[in-house]
PDB file of N, CA and C in Angstrom:
ATOM      1  N   MET A   1       0.817  -1.142   0.101  1.00  0.00           N
ATOM      2  CA  MET A   1       0.049   0.042  -0.110  1.00  0.00           C
ATOM      3  C   MET A   1       0.838   1.288  -0.043  1.00  0.00           C
ATOM      4  N   SER A   2       0.545   2.257  -0.882  1.00  0.00           N
ATOM      5  CA  SER A   2       1.383   3.413  -0.985  1.00  0.00           C
ATOM      6  C   SER A   2       0.860   4.448   0.044  1.00  0.00           C
ATOM      7  N   ARG A   3       1.679   5.088   0.658  1.00  0.00           N
ATOM      8  CA  ARG A   3       1.258   6.283   1.526  1.00  0.00           C
ATOM      9  C   ARG A   3       1.601   7.569   1.123  1.00  0.00           C
ATOM     10  N   GLY A   4       0.963   8.702   1.472  1.00  0.00           N
ATOM     11  CA  GLY A   4       1.393  10.013   0.999  1.00  0.00           C
ATOM     12  C   GLY A   4       0.315  10.981   1.413  1.00  0.00           C
ATOM     13  N   VAL A   5       0.696  12.136   1.111  1.00  0.00           N
ATOM     14  CA  VAL A   5      -0.290  13.268   1.401  1.00  0.00           C
ATOM     15  C   VAL A   5      -0.901  13.923  -0.009  1.00  0.00           C
ATOM     16  N   ILE A   6      -1.993  14.118   0.166  1.00  0.00           N
ATOM     17  CA  ILE A   6      -2.660  15.041  -1.004  1.00  0.00           C
ATOM     18  C   ILE A   6      -3.360  16.400  -0.611  1.00  0.00           C
ATOM     19  N   TYR A   7      -3.104  17.284  -1.526  1.00  0.00           N
ATOM     20  CA  TYR A   7      -3.818  18.706  -1.173  1.00  0.00           C
ATOM     21  C   TYR A   7      -4.661  18.924  -2.325  1.00  0.00           C
ATOM     22  N   TYR A   8      -5.796  19.562  -1.983  1.00  0.00           N
ATOM     23  CA  TYR A   8      -6.628  20.035  -3.186  1.00  0.00           C
ATOM     24  C   TYR A   8      -6.573  21.598  -3.101  1.00  0.00           C
ATOM     25  N   ASN A   9      -6.279  22.104  -4.278  1.00  0.00           N
ATOM     26  CA  ASN A   9      -6.152  23.383  -4.550  1.00  0.00           C
ATOM     27  C   ASN A   9      -7.253  24.006  -5.637  1.00  0.00           C
ATOM     28  N   ARG A  10      -7.976  24.785  -5.224  1.00  0.00           N
ATOM     29  CA  ARG A  10      -9.053  25.292  -6.319  1.00  0.00           C
ATOM     30  C   ARG A  10      -8.984  26.812  -6.328  1.00  0.00           C
ATOM     31  N   GLY A  11      -8.530  27.542  -7.589  1.00  0.00           N
ATOM     32  CA  GLY A  11      -8.287  28.954  -7.506  1.00  0.00           C
ATOM     33  C   GLY A  11      -6.981  29.346  -6.811  1.00  0.00           C
ATOM     34  N   THR A  12      -6.860  30.681  -6.307  1.00  0.00           N
ATOM     35  CA  THR A  12      -5.640  31.125  -5.813  1.00  0.00           C
ATOM     36  C   THR A  12      -5.981  31.718  -4.480  1.00  0.00           C
ATOM     37  N   SER A  13      -7.147  31.683  -3.818  1.00  0.00           N
ATOM     38  CA  SER A  13      -7.344  32.378  -2.503  1.00  0.00           C
ATOM     39  C   SER A  13      -6.826  31.666  -1.341  1.00  0.00           C
ATOM     40  N   PHE A  14      -6.421  30.409  -1.543  1.00  0.00           N
ATOM     41  CA  PHE A  14      -5.834  29.692  -0.298  1.00  0.00           C
ATOM     42  C   PHE A  14      -4.395  29.237  -0.644  1.00  0.00           C
ATOM     43  N   ALA A  15      -3.913  29.958  -1.516  1.00  0.00           N
ATOM     44  CA  ALA A  15      -2.280  29.508  -1.857  1.00  0.00           C
ATOM     45  C   ALA A  15      -1.351  29.897  -0.626  1.00  0.00           C
ATOM     46  N   VAL A  16      -1.745  30.853   0.151  1.00  0.00           N
ATOM     47  CA  VAL A  16      -0.897  31.212   1.254  1.00  0.00           C
ATOM     48  C   VAL A  16      -0.965  30.076   2.379  1.00  0.00           C
ATOM     49  N   ARG A  17      -2.320  29.462   2.514  1.00  0.00           N
ATOM     50  CA  ARG A  17      -2.507  28.472   3.372  1.00  0.00           C
ATOM     51  C   ARG A  17      -1.730  27.039   2.917  1.00  0.00           C
ATOM     52  N   LEU A  18      -1.779  26.973   1.736  1.00  0.00           N
ATOM     53  CA  LEU A  18      -1.130  25.859   0.972  1.00  0.00           C
ATOM     54  C   LEU A  18       0.515  25.922   1.261  1.00  0.00           C
ATOM     55  N   LEU A  19       0.979  27.023   0.994  1.00  0.00           N
ATOM     56  CA  LEU A  19       2.427  27.303   1.241  1.00  0.00           C
ATOM     57  C   LEU A  19       2.897  27.055   2.784  1.00  0.00           C
ATOM     58  N   VAL A  20       2.117  27.519   3.684  1.00  0.00           N
ATOM     59  CA  VAL A  20       2.489  27.424   5.048  1.00  0.00           C
ATOM     60  C   VAL A  20       2.325  25.898   5.649  1.00  0.00           C
ATOM     61  N   SER A  21       1.196  25.169   4.914  1.00  0.00           N
ATOM     62  CA  SER A  21       1.008  23.921   5.237  1.00  0.00           C
ATOM     63  C   SER A  21       2.152  23.009   4.854  1.00  0.00           C
ATOM     64  N   LEU A  22       2.596  23.239   3.612  1.00  0.00           N
ATOM     65  CA  LEU A  22       3.632  22.305   3.021  1.00  0.00           C
ATOM     66  C   LEU A  22       5.023  22.724   3.578  1.00  0.00           C
ATOM     67  N   ALA A  23       5.216  23.896   4.046  1.00  0.00           N
ATOM     68  CA  ALA A  23       6.476  24.061   4.736  1.00  0.00           C
ATOM     69  C   ALA A  23       6.566  23.529   6.149  1.00  0.00           C
ATOM     70  N   SER A  24       5.399  23.384   6.771  1.00  0.00           N
ATOM     71  CA  SER A  24       5.359  22.827   8.082  1.00  0.00           C
ATOM     72  C   SER A  24       5.478  21.340   7.902  1.00  0.00           C
ATOM     73  N   LEU A  25       4.740  20.787   6.783  1.00  0.00           N
ATOM     74  CA  LEU A  25       4.869  19.356   6.614  1.00  0.00           C
ATOM     75  C   LEU A  25       6.202  18.882   6.263  1.00  0.00           C
ATOM     76  N   ARG A  26       6.856  19.628   5.468  1.00  0.00           N
ATOM     77  CA  ARG A  26       8.251  19.278   4.978  1.00  0.00           C
ATOM     78  C   ARG A  26       9.431  19.308   6.177  1.00  0.00           C
ATOM     79  N   GLN A  27       8.996  19.863   7.308  1.00  0.00           N
ATOM     80  CA  GLN A  27      10.054  20.025   8.425  1.00  0.00           C
ATOM     81  C   GLN A  27      10.064  18.703   9.156  1.00  0.00           C
ATOM     82  N   TYR A  28       9.026  17.828   8.819  1.00  0.00           N
ATOM     83  CA  TYR A  28       8.875  16.492   9.542  1.00  0.00           C
ATOM     84  C   TYR A  28       8.646  15.331   8.655  1.00  0.00           C
ATOM     85  N   TYR A  29       8.204  15.612   7.328  1.00  0.00           N
ATOM     86  CA  TYR A  29       7.931  14.524   6.500  1.00  0.00           C
ATOM     87  C   TYR A  29       8.440  14.638   5.192  1.00  0.00           C
ATOM     88  N   ARG A  30       9.141  13.627   4.638  1.00  0.00           N
ATOM     89  CA  ARG A  30       9.976  13.746   3.379  1.00  0.00           C
ATOM     90  C   ARG A  30       9.256  12.763   2.253  1.00  0.00           C
ATOM     91  N   GLY A  31       8.171  12.122   2.625  1.00  0.00           N
ATOM     92  CA  GLY A  31       7.456  11.286   1.960  1.00  0.00           C
ATOM     93  C   GLY A  31       6.789  11.780   0.713  1.00  0.00           C
ATOM     94  N   PRO A  32       5.962  11.268  -0.084  1.00  0.00           N
ATOM     95  CA  PRO A  32       5.324  11.650  -1.368  1.00  0.00           C
ATOM     96  C   PRO A  32       4.274  12.632  -0.922  1.00  0.00           C
ATOM     97  N   VAL A  33       4.008  13.697  -1.883  1.00  0.00           N
ATOM     98  CA  VAL A  33       2.968  14.691  -1.466  1.00  0.00           C
ATOM     99  C   VAL A  33       2.466  15.051  -2.971  1.00  0.00           C
ATOM    100  N   THR A  34       1.183  15.131  -3.189  1.00  0.00           N
ATOM    101  CA  THR A  34       0.705  15.546  -4.435  1.00  0.00           C
ATOM    102  C   THR A  34      -0.264  16.688  -4.227  1.00  0.00           C
ATOM    103  N   ILE A  35      -0.366  17.776  -4.994  1.00  0.00           N
ATOM    104  CA  ILE A  35      -1.307  18.753  -4.912  1.00  0.00           C
ATOM    105  C   ILE A  35      -2.219  18.417  -6.344  1.00  0.00           C
ATOM    106  N   LEU A  36      -3.483  18.353  -5.954  1.00  0.00           N
ATOM    107  CA  LEU A  36      -4.464  18.255  -7.052  1.00  0.00           C
ATOM    108  C   LEU A  36      -5.195  19.710  -7.162  1.00  0.00           C
ATOM    109  N   SER A  37      -4.768  20.247  -8.383  1.00  0.00           N
ATOM    110  CA  SER A  37      -5.107  21.752  -8.747  1.00  0.00           C
ATOM    111  C   SER A  37      -6.220  21.587  -9.794  1.00  0.00           C
ATOM    112  N   ASP A  38      -7.319  22.407  -9.416  1.00  0.00           N
ATOM    113  CA  ASP A  38      -8.487  22.478 -10.221  1.00  0.00           C
ATOM    114  C   ASP A  38      -8.640  23.940 -10.738  1.00  0.00           C
ATOM    115  N   GLY A  39      -8.377  23.962 -12.128  1.00  0.00           N
ATOM    116  CA  GLY A  39      -8.398  25.108 -12.965  1.00  0.00           C
ATOM    117  C   GLY A  39      -7.116  25.544 -13.418  1.00  0.00           C
ATOM    118  N   ASP A  40      -7.075  26.423 -14.386  1.00  0.00           N
ATOM    119  CA  ASP A  40      -5.854  26.968 -15.064  1.00  0.00           C
ATOM    120  C   ASP A  40      -5.015  27.902 -14.057  1.00  0.00           C
ATOM    121  N   GLU A  41      -5.712  28.579 -13.385  1.00  0.00           N
ATOM    122  CA  GLU A  41      -5.109  29.634 -12.619  1.00  0.00           C
ATOM    123  C   GLU A  41      -4.537  28.913 -11.406  1.00  0.00           C
ATOM    124  N   ALA A  42      -5.256  28.074 -10.879  1.00  0.00           N
ATOM    125  CA  ALA A  42      -4.694  27.207  -9.655  1.00  0.00           C
ATOM    126  C   ALA A  42      -3.561  26.288 -10.030  1.00  0.00           C
ATOM    127  N   HIS A  43      -3.500  25.738 -11.246  1.00  0.00           N
ATOM    128  CA  HIS A  43      -2.470  24.869 -11.725  1.00  0.00           C
ATOM    129  C   HIS A  43      -1.414  25.602 -12.062  1.00  0.00           C
ATOM    130  N   ALA A  44      -1.377  26.686 -12.526  1.00  0.00           N
ATOM    131  CA  ALA A  44      -0.115  27.426 -12.773  1.00  0.00           C
ATOM    132  C   ALA A  44       0.521  27.843 -11.403  1.00  0.00           C
ATOM    133  N   LEU A  45      -0.193  28.218 -10.486  1.00  0.00           N
ATOM    134  CA  LEU A  45       0.303  28.649  -9.099  1.00  0.00           C
ATOM    135  C   LEU A  45       0.624  27.295  -8.225  1.00  0.00           C
ATOM    136  N   SER A  46      -0.192  26.368  -8.241  1.00  0.00           N
ATOM    137  CA  SER A  46       0.179  25.123  -7.613  1.00  0.00           C
ATOM    138  C   SER A  46       1.491  24.346  -8.284  1.00  0.00           C
ATOM    139  N   ALA A  47       1.768  24.369  -9.474  1.00  0.00           N
ATOM    140  CA  ALA A  47       2.909  23.942 -10.086  1.00  0.00           C
ATOM    141  C   ALA A  47       4.204  24.478  -9.586  1.00  0.00           C
ATOM    142  N   ARG A  48       4.208  25.720  -9.346  1.00  0.00           N
ATOM    143  CA  ARG A  48       5.142  26.629  -8.856  1.00  0.00           C
ATOM    144  C   ARG A  48       5.522  26.240  -7.236  1.00  0.00           C
ATOM    145  N   ILE A  49       4.577  26.077  -6.524  1.00  0.00           N
ATOM    146  CA  ILE A  49       4.652  25.750  -5.153  1.00  0.00           C
ATOM    147  C   ILE A  49       5.077  24.259  -5.124  1.00  0.00           C
ATOM    148  N   ALA A  50       4.636  23.467  -5.952  1.00  0.00           N
ATOM    149  CA  ALA A  50       5.084  22.128  -5.892  1.00  0.00           C
ATOM    150  C   ALA A  50       6.435  21.959  -6.285  1.00  0.00           C
ATOM    151  N   ALA A  51       7.008  22.665  -7.213  1.00  0.00           N
ATOM    152  CA  ALA A  51       8.533  22.758  -7.335  1.00  0.00           C
ATOM    153  C   ALA A  51       9.347  23.074  -6.279  1.00  0.00           C
ATOM    154  N   ALA A  52       8.786  24.062  -5.508  1.00  0.00           N
ATOM    155  CA  ALA A  52       9.471  24.560  -4.312  1.00  0.00           C
ATOM    156  C   ALA A  52       9.629  23.618  -3.184  1.00  0.00           C
ATOM    157  N   PHE A  53       8.725  22.612  -3.068  1.00  0.00           N
ATOM    158  CA  PHE A  53       8.409  21.763  -2.055  1.00  0.00           C
ATOM    159  C   PHE A  53       8.762  20.299  -2.291  1.00  0.00           C
ATOM    160  N   ASP A  54       9.298  20.133  -3.575  1.00  0.00           N
ATOM    161  CA  ASP A  54       9.490  18.790  -4.159  1.00  0.00           C
ATOM    162  C   ASP A  54       8.417  17.873  -3.995  1.00  0.00           C
ATOM    163  N   THR A  55       7.399  18.368  -4.452  1.00  0.00           N
ATOM    164  CA  THR A  55       5.848  17.485  -4.609  1.00  0.00           C
ATOM    165  C   THR A  55       5.577  17.400  -5.939  1.00  0.00           C
ATOM    166  N   ASP A  56       4.544  16.591  -6.245  1.00  0.00           N
ATOM    167  CA  ASP A  56       3.872  16.401  -7.563  1.00  0.00           C
ATOM    168  C   ASP A  56       2.771  17.297  -7.571  1.00  0.00           C
ATOM    169  N   CYS A  57       2.428  17.696  -8.907  1.00  0.00           N
ATOM    170  CA  CYS A  57       1.131  18.480  -9.003  1.00  0.00           C
ATOM    171  C   CYS A  57       0.426  17.972 -10.181  1.00  0.00           C
ATOM    172  N   ILE A  58      -0.849  17.705 -10.107  1.00  0.00           N
ATOM    173  CA  ILE A  58      -1.652  17.157 -10.890  1.00  0.00           C
ATOM    174  C   ILE A  58      -2.912  18.008 -11.422  1.00  0.00           C
ATOM    175  N   SER A  59      -2.994  18.444 -12.634  1.00  0.00           N
ATOM    176  CA  SER A  59      -4.112  19.195 -12.987  1.00  0.00           C
ATOM    177  C   SER A  59      -5.491  18.347 -13.030  1.00  0.00           C
ATOM    178  N   TRP A  60      -6.432  18.793 -12.276  1.00  0.00           N
ATOM    179  CA  TRP A  60      -7.531  17.907 -12.032  1.00  0.00           C
ATOM    180  C   TRP A  60      -8.923  18.693 -11.947  1.00  0.00           C
ATOM    181  N   THR A  61      -9.877  18.514 -12.781  1.00  0.00           N
ATOM    182  CA  THR A  61     -11.091  19.064 -12.576  1.00  0.00           C
ATOM    183  C   THR A  61     -12.184  18.018 -12.458  1.00  0.00           C
ATOM    184  N   PRO A  62     -12.611  17.728 -11.067  1.00  0.00           N
ATOM    185  CA  PRO A  62     -13.527  16.814 -10.747  1.00  0.00           C
ATOM    186  C   PRO A  62     -14.928  16.884 -11.570  1.00  0.00           C
ATOM    187  N   ASP A  63     -15.512  15.959 -11.742  1.00  0.00           N
ATOM    188  CA  ASP A  63     -16.730  15.802 -12.608  1.00  0.00           C
ATOM    189  C   ASP A  63     -17.928  16.078 -11.653  1.00  0.00           C
ATOM    190  N   ILE A  64     -18.128  17.382 -11.029  1.00  0.00           N
ATOM    191  CA  ILE A  64     -19.005  17.657 -10.372  1.00  0.00           C
ATOM    192  C   ILE A  64     -19.794  19.030 -10.735  1.00  0.00           C
ATOM    193  N   PRO A  65     -21.040  19.140 -10.315  1.00  0.00           N
ATOM    194  CA  PRO A  65     -21.554  20.573 -10.713  1.00  0.00           C
ATOM    195  C   PRO A  65     -20.879  21.684 -10.048  1.00  0.00           C
ATOM    196  N   SER A  66     -20.944  22.812 -10.734  1.00  0.00           N
ATOM    197  CA  SER A  66     -20.051  24.128 -10.211  1.00  0.00           C
ATOM    198  C   SER A  66     -21.130  24.666  -9.447  1.00  0.00           C
ATOM    199  N   GLY A  67     -20.714  25.361  -8.307  1.00  0.00           N
ATOM    200  CA  GLY A  67     -21.418  26.038  -7.448  1.00  0.00           C
ATOM    201  C   GLY A  67     -20.734  26.300  -6.116  1.00  0.00           C
ATOM    202  N   LYS A  68     -21.551  26.720  -5.095  1.00  0.00           N
ATOM    203  CA  LYS A  68     -20.837  27.261  -3.853  1.00  0.00           C
ATOM    204  C   LYS A  68     -20.451  25.894  -2.912  1.00  0.00           C
ATOM    205  N   ASN A  69     -20.709  24.796  -3.240  1.00  0.00           N
ATOM    206  CA  ASN A  69     -20.389  23.429  -2.376  1.00  0.00           C
ATOM    207  C   ASN A  69     -19.389  22.731  -3.418  1.00  0.00           C
ATOM    208  N   THR A  70     -18.729  23.310  -4.414  1.00  0.00           N
ATOM    209  CA  THR A  70     -17.998  22.413  -5.313  1.00  0.00           C
ATOM    210  C   THR A  70     -16.825  21.928  -4.708  1.00  0.00           C
ATOM    211  N   THR A  71     -16.078  22.761  -3.773  1.00  0.00           N
ATOM    212  CA  THR A  71     -14.733  22.314  -3.117  1.00  0.00           C
ATOM    213  C   THR A  71     -15.092  21.128  -2.262  1.00  0.00           C
ATOM    214  N   TYR A  72     -16.324  21.157  -1.395  1.00  0.00           N
ATOM    215  CA  TYR A  72     -16.665  20.019  -0.645  1.00  0.00           C
ATOM    216  C   TYR A  72     -17.079  18.864  -1.325  1.00  0.00           C
ATOM    217  N   LEU A  73     -17.731  19.020  -2.448  1.00  0.00           N
ATOM    218  CA  LEU A  73     -18.187  17.830  -3.362  1.00  0.00           C
ATOM    219  C   LEU A  73     -16.983  17.145  -3.965  1.00  0.00           C
ATOM    220  N   ALA A  74     -15.883  17.821  -4.181  1.00  0.00           N
ATOM    221  CA  ALA A  74     -14.692  17.555  -4.956  1.00  0.00           C
ATOM    222  C   ALA A  74     -13.942  16.529  -3.848  1.00  0.00           C
ATOM    223  N   LYS A  75     -14.172  16.734  -2.580  1.00  0.00           N
ATOM    224  CA  LYS A  75     -13.534  15.799  -1.667  1.00  0.00           C
ATOM    225  C   LYS A  75     -13.826  14.351  -1.687  1.00  0.00           C
ATOM    226  N   THR A  76     -15.196  14.022  -2.139  1.00  0.00           N
ATOM    227  CA  THR A  76     -15.692  12.943  -2.265  1.00  0.00           C
ATOM    228  C   THR A  76     -14.933  12.046  -3.531  1.00  0.00           C
ATOM    229  N   LYS A  77     -14.327  12.913  -4.366  1.00  0.00           N
ATOM    230  CA  LYS A  77     -13.742  12.177  -5.692  1.00  0.00           C
ATOM    231  C   LYS A  77     -12.108  11.999  -5.423  1.00  0.00           C
ATOM    232  N   TYR A  78     -11.559  12.466  -4.283  1.00  0.00           N
ATOM    233  CA  TYR A  78     -10.061  12.343  -4.164  1.00  0.00           C
ATOM    234  C   TYR A  78      -9.297  11.097  -4.549  1.00  0.00           C
ATOM    235  N   LEU A  79     -10.256   9.903  -4.006  1.00  0.00           N
ATOM    236  CA  LEU A  79      -9.481   8.692  -3.986  1.00  0.00           C
ATOM    237  C   LEU A  79      -9.539   8.213  -5.460  1.00  0.00           C
ATOM    238  N   GLU A  80     -10.407   8.840  -6.385  1.00  0.00           N
ATOM    239  CA  GLU A  80     -10.300   8.469  -7.787  1.00  0.00           C
ATOM    240  C   GLU A  80      -9.089   8.890  -8.552  1.00  0.00           C
ATOM    241  N   VAL A  81      -8.338   9.990  -7.956  1.00  0.00           N
ATOM    242  CA  VAL A  81      -7.306  10.478  -8.559  1.00  0.00           C
ATOM    243  C   VAL A  81      -6.039  10.354  -7.775  1.00  0.00           C
ATOM    244  N   SER A  82      -5.948  10.111  -6.390  1.00  0.00           N
ATOM    245  CA  SER A  82      -4.882   9.952  -5.497  1.00  0.00           C
ATOM    246  C   SER A  82      -3.835   9.020  -6.039  1.00  0.00           C
ATOM    247  N   PRO A  83      -2.687   9.423  -6.108  1.00  0.00           N
ATOM    248  CA  PRO A  83      -1.531   8.587  -6.520  1.00  0.00           C
ATOM    249  C   PRO A  83      -1.373   7.313  -5.616  1.00  0.00           C
TER     250      PRO A  83
END
């Protein structure tokens, strides 16, 4: 069984939180980490963050309806794309 950490990033409003979380994680954990980025704007930023913290970045758009709960609904699909 493979183990690792996944992050989901949609848009750019939580980029600072992603940076802080990855910086904290990398102080204690050197294992596999993947960022699932949703959208072109998110992917461009997530790819740069991933490179800085030695993580993978996958461009991913979940097959769910768009709306105010999109981020929460996307969580139900993580296992479909988790490395």
